[in-house]
Every structure is written in C-alpha cells, then in structure tokens.
C-alpha cells in the first residue's frame, strides 16, 4: 500500500500528540482535543477509535473519561500511527492494480512504493516524545504544565 499524507493521517498524528502533550491526571476528552486542534468531530471520533483498536490509545469510559496513551510516548512512532490509519482508508491500493500502462506499472508504481517505504522508514524513527520535545522547544503551551503549576 502506498502511503500518502491524508487529512486523516494528519488529524491522527495531531490527536495523539495533543493527548501526549496535554496529559494530566484525567484522560483527555475528545472535546478538548477538538477545541485545541480544531479537528472536525466527524474525523476525530473515528480516528480516535482506530487508534484505540491499534493499541496506540486507551479509551476510558465514564463522566471523566476520554483518551490516554496506551504506551509511553517514546514507544509510539509516527509509523505506528500511519499504519493504524492507512489500514482503514477506503482508497484502493493502486500498487496492486494490474491495470495500467507499462510506464505506470513498471516505472511509476515501483518508484511510489520505494518512496513510500523510505517515508515509512523515516516515520519509524520519529516518536511522539520527539514531537513533544519539539513543541516544548518551540514554546507551545501545554495544559499539563498549567495543571502542574496550579497544583504546586
């Protein structure tokens, strides 16, 4: 399957990063993610459920429920998120489509598969912890920092 940068993938990465970066004592509610990231609810809830099924997130039920990471931030790669999202995308996998011209099937598709493999390889080296560190370095506010300051 050829990996492509879709809205769904971008939203999934943003949602996981939001949960990791804004973690507090309580799970992060989808409404809070929506407010901070502006991810439309029609995309957010299904993506969050896919990430739960892929064991990237854990869903917590109840009045103070929401989502939290299913494992440590340094053990979740962008490749993990991409695999979770792309497994459910409805688009046909053109790499396995026998139809097409010789240029398409013998030159363009193999190139796209090679590039996709390189991209997945690169994504597997970037963790959610890396992105959280980058966000801190950039000076982006974290609600978890605000919560920790309020407690201290």
N, C-alpha and C. Protein backbone atom coordinates (compact mmCIF):
# COMPACT_ATOMS: atom_id res chain seq x y z
N UNK A 1 0.84 -1.18 0.00
CA UNK A 1 0.00 0.00 0.00
C UNK A 1 0.88 1.24 0.00
N UNK A 2 0.56 2.17 -0.84
CA UNK A 2 1.32 3.40 -0.92
C UNK A 2 0.84 4.35 0.17
N UNK A 3 1.78 4.86 0.93
CA UNK A 3 1.46 5.79 2.00
C UNK A 3 1.30 7.19 1.41
N UNK A 4 0.25 7.85 1.82
CA UNK A 4 0.04 9.21 1.37
C UNK A 4 -0.32 10.06 2.58
N UNK A 5 -0.03 11.33 2.48
CA UNK A 5 -0.34 12.24 3.57
C UNK A 5 -1.79 12.70 3.40
N UNK A 6 -2.67 12.08 4.14
CA UNK A 6 -4.09 12.39 4.06
C UNK A 6 -4.49 13.26 5.26
N UNK A 7 -5.67 13.86 5.15
CA UNK A 7 -6.23 14.61 6.28
C UNK A 7 -6.33 13.70 7.50
N UNK A 8 -6.78 12.51 7.26
CA UNK A 8 -6.99 11.56 8.35
C UNK A 8 -5.69 11.27 9.09
N UNK A 9 -4.59 11.09 8.34
CA UNK A 9 -3.30 10.84 8.96
C UNK A 9 -2.83 12.07 9.75
N UNK A 10 -2.97 13.24 9.16
CA UNK A 10 -2.58 14.46 9.87
C UNK A 10 -3.38 14.63 11.16
N UNK A 11 -4.69 14.40 11.08
CA UNK A 11 -5.53 14.52 12.27
C UNK A 11 -5.15 13.48 13.33
N UNK A 12 -4.82 12.28 12.90
CA UNK A 12 -4.44 11.22 13.84
C UNK A 12 -3.16 11.60 14.58
N UNK A 13 -2.16 12.09 13.84
CA UNK A 13 -0.91 12.50 14.48
C UNK A 13 -1.16 13.65 15.44
N UNK A 14 -1.94 14.64 15.01
CA UNK A 14 -2.26 15.78 15.87
C UNK A 14 -3.00 15.34 17.13
N UNK A 15 -3.92 14.42 17.00
CA UNK A 15 -4.70 13.96 18.17
C UNK A 15 -3.80 13.23 19.17
N UNK A 16 -2.94 12.33 18.69
CA UNK A 16 -2.05 11.60 19.59
C UNK A 16 -1.08 12.58 20.25
N UNK A 17 -0.55 13.50 19.48
CA UNK A 17 0.37 14.49 20.04
C UNK A 17 -0.34 15.36 21.07
N UNK A 18 -1.57 15.77 20.78
CA UNK A 18 -2.34 16.57 21.73
C UNK A 18 -2.52 15.81 23.04
N UNK A 19 -2.88 14.55 22.95
CA UNK A 19 -3.09 13.75 24.16
C UNK A 19 -1.78 13.62 24.94
N UNK A 20 -0.69 13.35 24.24
CA UNK A 20 0.61 13.20 24.90
C UNK A 20 1.08 14.51 25.52
N UNK A 21 0.87 15.61 24.83
CA UNK A 21 1.39 16.90 25.26
C UNK A 21 0.53 17.53 26.35
N UNK A 22 -0.74 17.21 26.38
CA UNK A 22 -1.66 17.82 27.34
C UNK A 22 -2.14 16.85 28.40
N UNK A 23 -1.39 15.78 28.60
CA UNK A 23 -1.79 14.76 29.57
C UNK A 23 -1.78 15.35 30.99
N UNK A 24 -2.76 14.95 31.74
CA UNK A 24 -2.84 15.35 33.13
C UNK A 24 -3.27 14.13 33.93
N UNK A 25 -3.85 14.37 35.09
CA UNK A 25 -4.30 13.26 35.92
C UNK A 25 -5.49 12.55 35.28
N UNK A 26 -6.31 13.31 34.57
CA UNK A 26 -7.50 12.75 33.92
C UNK A 26 -7.22 12.48 32.44
N UNK A 27 -7.93 11.53 31.85
CA UNK A 27 -7.81 11.32 30.41
C UNK A 27 -8.23 12.57 29.64
N UNK A 28 -7.72 12.72 28.44
CA UNK A 28 -8.05 13.87 27.61
C UNK A 28 -9.34 13.59 26.86
N UNK A 29 -10.30 14.48 26.98
CA UNK A 29 -11.58 14.29 26.31
C UNK A 29 -11.51 14.77 24.87
N UNK A 30 -12.27 14.12 24.01
CA UNK A 30 -12.24 14.46 22.58
C UNK A 30 -12.66 15.91 22.35
N UNK A 31 -13.57 16.42 23.16
CA UNK A 31 -13.99 17.81 23.04
C UNK A 31 -12.84 18.78 23.28
N UNK A 32 -11.95 18.43 24.20
CA UNK A 32 -10.78 19.26 24.47
C UNK A 32 -9.82 19.24 23.29
N UNK A 33 -9.65 18.07 22.69
CA UNK A 33 -8.79 17.96 21.50
C UNK A 33 -9.39 18.81 20.39
N UNK A 34 -10.70 18.71 20.22
CA UNK A 34 -11.39 19.48 19.19
C UNK A 34 -11.18 20.98 19.39
N UNK A 35 -11.31 21.44 20.63
CA UNK A 35 -11.13 22.87 20.93
C UNK A 35 -9.71 23.33 20.64
N UNK A 36 -8.73 22.55 21.07
CA UNK A 36 -7.33 22.97 20.90
C UNK A 36 -6.84 22.84 19.47
N UNK A 37 -7.23 21.76 18.79
CA UNK A 37 -6.67 21.46 17.47
C UNK A 37 -7.60 21.82 16.32
N UNK A 38 -8.87 22.00 16.60
CA UNK A 38 -9.81 22.33 15.54
C UNK A 38 -10.08 21.17 14.58
N UNK A 39 -9.89 19.96 15.05
CA UNK A 39 -10.16 18.79 14.21
C UNK A 39 -11.66 18.56 14.19
N UNK A 40 -12.27 18.54 13.02
CA UNK A 40 -13.72 18.32 12.96
C UNK A 40 -14.12 17.00 13.62
N UNK A 41 -15.20 17.03 14.37
CA UNK A 41 -15.65 15.84 15.11
C UNK A 41 -15.90 14.64 14.19
N UNK A 42 -16.36 14.90 12.97
CA UNK A 42 -16.64 13.78 12.05
C UNK A 42 -15.37 13.01 11.71
N UNK A 43 -14.20 13.66 11.83
CA UNK A 43 -12.93 12.98 11.63
C UNK A 43 -12.36 12.46 12.96
N UNK A 44 -12.51 13.27 14.00
CA UNK A 44 -11.83 12.99 15.26
C UNK A 44 -12.27 11.69 15.91
N UNK A 45 -13.55 11.51 16.13
CA UNK A 45 -14.01 10.31 16.85
C UNK A 45 -13.62 9.00 16.15
N UNK A 46 -13.86 8.89 14.83
CA UNK A 46 -13.45 7.64 14.17
C UNK A 46 -11.93 7.41 14.23
N UNK A 47 -11.15 8.48 14.10
CA UNK A 47 -9.70 8.34 14.17
C UNK A 47 -9.28 7.88 15.57
N UNK A 48 -9.87 8.46 16.60
CA UNK A 48 -9.55 8.06 17.97
C UNK A 48 -9.88 6.59 18.19
N UNK A 49 -11.01 6.14 17.66
CA UNK A 49 -11.38 4.73 17.80
C UNK A 49 -10.40 3.81 17.08
N UNK A 50 -9.94 4.22 15.90
CA UNK A 50 -8.93 3.43 15.18
C UNK A 50 -7.65 3.33 15.99
N UNK A 51 -7.26 4.43 16.61
CA UNK A 51 -6.04 4.44 17.40
C UNK A 51 -6.18 3.58 18.66
N UNK A 52 -7.38 3.49 19.20
CA UNK A 52 -7.64 2.60 20.34
C UNK A 52 -7.51 1.14 19.87
N UNK A 53 -8.13 0.82 18.72
CA UNK A 53 -8.03 -0.55 18.19
C UNK A 53 -6.60 -0.94 17.86
N UNK A 54 -5.76 0.03 17.53
CA UNK A 54 -4.36 -0.24 17.19
C UNK A 54 -3.46 -0.22 18.44
N UNK A 55 -4.05 -0.09 19.62
CA UNK A 55 -3.31 -0.06 20.89
C UNK A 55 -2.33 1.10 20.99
N UNK A 56 -2.67 2.20 20.35
CA UNK A 56 -1.88 3.42 20.49
C UNK A 56 -2.49 4.28 21.59
N UNK A 57 -3.83 4.30 21.63
CA UNK A 57 -4.56 5.00 22.67
C UNK A 57 -5.37 4.01 23.49
N UNK A 58 -5.76 4.46 24.65
CA UNK A 58 -6.64 3.70 25.52
C UNK A 58 -7.86 4.57 25.79
N UNK A 59 -9.04 4.01 25.58
CA UNK A 59 -10.27 4.75 25.86
C UNK A 59 -10.70 4.50 27.29
N UNK A 60 -11.09 5.56 27.98
CA UNK A 60 -11.54 5.46 29.37
C UNK A 60 -12.98 5.91 29.41
N UNK A 61 -13.86 5.05 29.90
CA UNK A 61 -15.29 5.36 29.97
C UNK A 61 -15.61 6.11 31.25
N UNK A 62 -16.79 6.72 31.25
CA UNK A 62 -17.27 7.38 32.46
C UNK A 62 -17.33 8.88 32.31
N UNK A 63 -17.86 9.56 33.35
CA UNK A 63 -18.05 11.01 33.28
C UNK A 63 -16.73 11.78 33.13
N UNK A 64 -15.64 11.24 33.60
CA UNK A 64 -14.33 11.89 33.45
C UNK A 64 -13.47 11.09 32.50
N UNK A 65 -14.13 10.40 31.59
CA UNK A 65 -13.42 9.56 30.63
C UNK A 65 -12.81 10.36 29.50
N UNK A 66 -12.19 9.64 28.63
CA UNK A 66 -11.54 10.26 27.49
C UNK A 66 -10.51 9.31 26.93
N UNK A 67 -9.38 9.85 26.57
CA UNK A 67 -8.32 9.05 25.96
C UNK A 67 -6.99 9.36 26.60
N UNK A 68 -6.17 8.32 26.68
CA UNK A 68 -4.78 8.49 27.11
C UNK A 68 -3.93 7.53 26.29
N UNK A 69 -2.64 7.76 26.32
CA UNK A 69 -1.74 6.90 25.56
C UNK A 69 -1.76 5.49 26.13
N UNK A 70 -1.70 4.50 25.25
CA UNK A 70 -1.70 3.11 25.68
C UNK A 70 -0.29 2.64 26.04
N UNK A 71 0.72 3.40 25.63
CA UNK A 71 2.10 3.10 25.98
C UNK A 71 2.88 4.40 26.07
N UNK A 72 4.12 4.32 26.47
CA UNK A 72 4.93 5.51 26.67
C UNK A 72 5.12 6.28 25.36
N UNK A 73 5.27 7.60 25.50
CA UNK A 73 5.44 8.47 24.33
C UNK A 73 6.63 8.08 23.46
N UNK A 74 7.68 7.59 24.10
CA UNK A 74 8.87 7.24 23.32
C UNK A 74 8.74 5.88 22.63
N UNK A 75 7.62 5.21 22.83
CA UNK A 75 7.39 3.92 22.18
C UNK A 75 6.32 4.00 21.08
N UNK A 76 5.82 5.19 20.83
CA UNK A 76 4.83 5.39 19.76
C UNK A 76 5.50 6.18 18.65
N UNK A 77 5.61 5.57 17.47
CA UNK A 77 6.22 6.26 16.34
C UNK A 77 5.13 6.77 15.39
N UNK A 78 5.54 7.69 14.53
CA UNK A 78 4.60 8.18 13.53
C UNK A 78 4.24 7.05 12.56
N UNK A 79 5.13 6.11 12.37
CA UNK A 79 4.83 4.95 11.51
C UNK A 79 3.70 4.12 12.13
N UNK A 80 3.69 3.97 13.46
CA UNK A 80 2.61 3.24 14.13
C UNK A 80 1.26 3.90 13.84
N UNK A 81 1.24 5.21 13.93
CA UNK A 81 0.01 5.96 13.68
C UNK A 81 -0.40 5.82 12.22
N UNK A 82 0.57 5.95 11.31
CA UNK A 82 0.27 5.84 9.88
C UNK A 82 -0.29 4.46 9.55
N UNK A 83 0.28 3.42 10.13
CA UNK A 83 -0.21 2.05 9.88
C UNK A 83 -1.65 1.90 10.37
N UNK A 84 -1.94 2.47 11.53
CA UNK A 84 -3.30 2.37 12.09
C UNK A 84 -4.31 3.06 11.19
N UNK A 85 -3.94 4.21 10.67
CA UNK A 85 -4.87 5.00 9.84
C UNK A 85 -4.99 4.41 8.45
N UNK A 86 -3.90 4.04 7.85
CA UNK A 86 -3.97 3.57 6.46
C UNK A 86 -4.65 2.22 6.33
N UNK A 87 -4.68 1.44 7.40
CA UNK A 87 -5.33 0.14 7.33
C UNK A 87 -6.83 0.27 7.10
N UNK A 88 -7.38 1.44 7.43
CA UNK A 88 -8.83 1.62 7.31
C UNK A 88 -9.23 2.55 6.16
N UNK A 89 -8.26 3.14 5.49
CA UNK A 89 -8.63 4.06 4.42
C UNK A 89 -9.24 3.29 3.27
N UNK A 90 -10.29 3.85 2.74
CA UNK A 90 -11.10 3.16 1.72
C UNK A 90 -10.48 3.19 0.34
N UNK A 91 -9.49 4.04 0.12
CA UNK A 91 -8.94 4.14 -1.23
C UNK A 91 -8.28 2.84 -1.66
N UNK A 92 -8.45 2.53 -2.92
CA UNK A 92 -7.88 1.30 -3.45
C UNK A 92 -6.37 1.42 -3.49
N UNK A 93 -5.71 0.30 -3.33
CA UNK A 93 -4.26 0.26 -3.38
C UNK A 93 -3.83 0.12 -4.83
N UNK A 94 -3.41 1.23 -5.41
CA UNK A 94 -3.06 1.23 -6.83
C UNK A 94 -1.80 0.42 -7.10
N UNK A 95 -0.98 0.19 -6.09
CA UNK A 95 0.25 -0.57 -6.30
C UNK A 95 -0.03 -2.01 -6.73
N UNK A 96 -1.16 -2.54 -6.29
CA UNK A 96 -1.52 -3.92 -6.62
C UNK A 96 -2.48 -4.03 -7.80
N UNK A 97 -2.84 -2.91 -8.39
CA UNK A 97 -3.75 -2.89 -9.51
C UNK A 97 -3.00 -3.30 -10.77
N UNK A 98 -3.45 -4.37 -11.41
CA UNK A 98 -2.76 -4.89 -12.60
C UNK A 98 -3.00 -4.01 -13.83
N UNK A 99 -4.05 -3.21 -13.80
CA UNK A 99 -4.38 -2.38 -14.96
C UNK A 99 -3.41 -1.22 -15.07
N UNK A 100 -3.23 -0.74 -16.27
CA UNK A 100 -2.39 0.43 -16.48
C UNK A 100 -1.35 0.19 -17.55
N UNK A 101 -0.67 1.25 -17.88
CA UNK A 101 0.34 1.19 -18.93
C UNK A 101 1.64 0.59 -18.41
N UNK A 102 2.53 0.24 -19.31
CA UNK A 102 3.83 -0.28 -18.92
C UNK A 102 4.61 0.76 -18.10
N UNK A 103 4.53 2.02 -18.50
CA UNK A 103 5.21 3.07 -17.74
C UNK A 103 4.66 3.15 -16.31
N UNK A 104 3.36 3.05 -16.19
CA UNK A 104 2.74 3.11 -14.86
C UNK A 104 3.08 1.92 -14.00
N UNK A 105 2.93 0.72 -14.56
CA UNK A 105 3.12 -0.49 -13.76
C UNK A 105 4.58 -0.84 -13.53
N UNK A 106 5.45 -0.48 -14.45
CA UNK A 106 6.85 -0.89 -14.33
C UNK A 106 7.79 0.21 -13.84
N UNK A 107 7.36 1.46 -13.98
CA UNK A 107 8.23 2.57 -13.59
C UNK A 107 7.63 3.39 -12.43
N UNK A 108 6.43 3.92 -12.64
CA UNK A 108 5.85 4.85 -11.65
C UNK A 108 5.46 4.14 -10.36
N UNK A 109 4.73 3.03 -10.44
CA UNK A 109 4.29 2.34 -9.22
C UNK A 109 5.47 1.83 -8.39
N UNK A 110 6.48 1.19 -9.00
CA UNK A 110 7.62 0.79 -8.17
C UNK A 110 8.32 1.97 -7.50
N UNK A 111 8.41 3.09 -8.21
CA UNK A 111 9.01 4.29 -7.61
C UNK A 111 8.19 4.76 -6.41
N UNK A 112 6.87 4.79 -6.58
CA UNK A 112 5.99 5.22 -5.48
C UNK A 112 6.12 4.27 -4.29
N UNK A 113 6.20 2.98 -4.55
CA UNK A 113 6.37 2.01 -3.47
C UNK A 113 7.71 2.20 -2.76
N UNK A 114 8.74 2.47 -3.53
CA UNK A 114 10.06 2.71 -2.94
C UNK A 114 10.04 3.95 -2.06
N UNK A 115 9.45 5.03 -2.56
CA UNK A 115 9.37 6.26 -1.79
C UNK A 115 8.51 6.08 -0.54
N UNK A 116 7.43 5.33 -0.68
CA UNK A 116 6.56 5.06 0.45
C UNK A 116 7.32 4.28 1.53
N UNK A 117 8.11 3.30 1.09
CA UNK A 117 8.92 2.53 2.04
C UNK A 117 9.93 3.41 2.76
N UNK A 118 10.55 4.32 2.03
CA UNK A 118 11.52 5.24 2.64
C UNK A 118 10.82 6.18 3.63
N UNK A 119 9.62 6.62 3.26
CA UNK A 119 8.88 7.52 4.15
C UNK A 119 8.48 6.78 5.43
N UNK A 120 8.01 5.55 5.29
CA UNK A 120 7.64 4.77 6.48
C UNK A 120 8.87 4.51 7.35
N UNK A 121 9.99 4.26 6.71
CA UNK A 121 11.22 4.05 7.45
C UNK A 121 11.58 5.30 8.25
N UNK A 122 11.45 6.46 7.63
CA UNK A 122 11.73 7.72 8.32
C UNK A 122 10.72 7.96 9.44
N UNK A 123 9.44 7.68 9.19
CA UNK A 123 8.42 7.87 10.22
C UNK A 123 8.65 6.96 11.42
N UNK A 124 9.26 5.82 11.19
CA UNK A 124 9.51 4.89 12.30
C UNK A 124 10.62 5.38 13.22
N UNK A 125 11.36 6.42 12.81
CA UNK A 125 12.41 6.97 13.66
C UNK A 125 11.93 8.16 14.48
N UNK A 126 10.72 8.63 14.22
CA UNK A 126 10.19 9.81 14.92
C UNK A 126 9.12 9.35 15.91
N UNK A 127 9.34 9.67 17.18
CA UNK A 127 8.38 9.29 18.22
C UNK A 127 7.53 10.48 18.64
N UNK A 128 6.46 10.16 19.34
CA UNK A 128 5.61 11.21 19.92
C UNK A 128 6.42 12.01 20.93
N UNK A 129 7.34 11.36 21.64
CA UNK A 129 8.22 12.08 22.57
C UNK A 129 9.05 13.13 21.83
N UNK A 130 9.56 12.77 20.64
CA UNK A 130 10.32 13.74 19.83
C UNK A 130 9.47 14.97 19.51
N UNK A 131 8.21 14.75 19.14
CA UNK A 131 7.33 15.87 18.79
C UNK A 131 6.97 16.69 20.03
N UNK A 132 6.81 16.04 21.18
CA UNK A 132 6.54 16.77 22.42
C UNK A 132 7.73 17.65 22.78
N UNK A 133 8.93 17.13 22.62
CA UNK A 133 10.14 17.91 22.89
C UNK A 133 10.22 19.11 21.96
N UNK A 134 9.91 18.88 20.69
CA UNK A 134 9.93 19.97 19.71
C UNK A 134 8.89 21.04 20.08
N UNK A 135 7.72 20.62 20.54
CA UNK A 135 6.68 21.57 20.93
C UNK A 135 7.13 22.39 22.14
N UNK A 136 7.78 21.73 23.11
CA UNK A 136 8.31 22.47 24.28
C UNK A 136 9.36 23.48 23.83
N UNK A 137 10.28 23.05 22.97
CA UNK A 137 11.34 23.94 22.47
C UNK A 137 10.76 25.14 21.72
N UNK A 138 9.66 24.92 21.04
CA UNK A 138 9.01 25.97 20.27
C UNK A 138 8.25 26.94 21.17
N UNK A 139 7.98 26.52 22.41
CA UNK A 139 7.27 27.37 23.35
C UNK A 139 5.77 27.20 23.31
N UNK A 140 5.29 26.13 22.73
CA UNK A 140 3.84 25.88 22.69
C UNK A 140 3.38 25.49 24.10
N UNK A 141 2.34 26.16 24.56
CA UNK A 141 1.80 25.91 25.90
C UNK A 141 1.21 24.51 26.00
N UNK A 142 1.41 23.89 27.13
CA UNK A 142 0.82 22.59 27.41
C UNK A 142 -0.12 22.71 28.60
N UNK A 143 -1.30 22.13 28.48
CA UNK A 143 -2.23 22.18 29.60
C UNK A 143 -1.71 21.39 30.78
N UNK A 144 -0.91 20.37 30.55
CA UNK A 144 -0.36 19.60 31.67
C UNK A 144 0.59 20.47 32.48
N UNK A 145 1.35 21.36 31.84
CA UNK A 145 2.23 22.27 32.57
C UNK A 145 1.40 23.23 33.42
N UNK A 146 0.29 23.73 32.84
CA UNK A 146 -0.60 24.62 33.58
C UNK A 146 -1.19 23.91 34.79
N UNK A 147 -1.59 22.64 34.61
CA UNK A 147 -2.16 21.87 35.71
C UNK A 147 -1.11 21.63 36.78
N UNK A 148 0.13 21.31 36.38
CA UNK A 148 1.19 21.08 37.35
C UNK A 148 1.52 22.34 38.12
N UNK A 149 1.52 23.51 37.48
CA UNK A 149 1.78 24.77 38.16
C UNK A 149 0.66 25.10 39.14
N UNK A 150 -0.58 24.79 38.77
CA UNK A 150 -1.72 25.08 39.66
C UNK A 150 -1.67 24.22 40.91
N UNK A 151 -1.15 22.98 40.80
CA UNK A 151 -1.07 22.07 41.94
C UNK A 151 0.07 22.49 42.87
N UNK A 152 1.17 22.99 42.31
CA UNK A 152 2.36 23.34 43.11
C UNK A 152 2.22 24.66 43.79
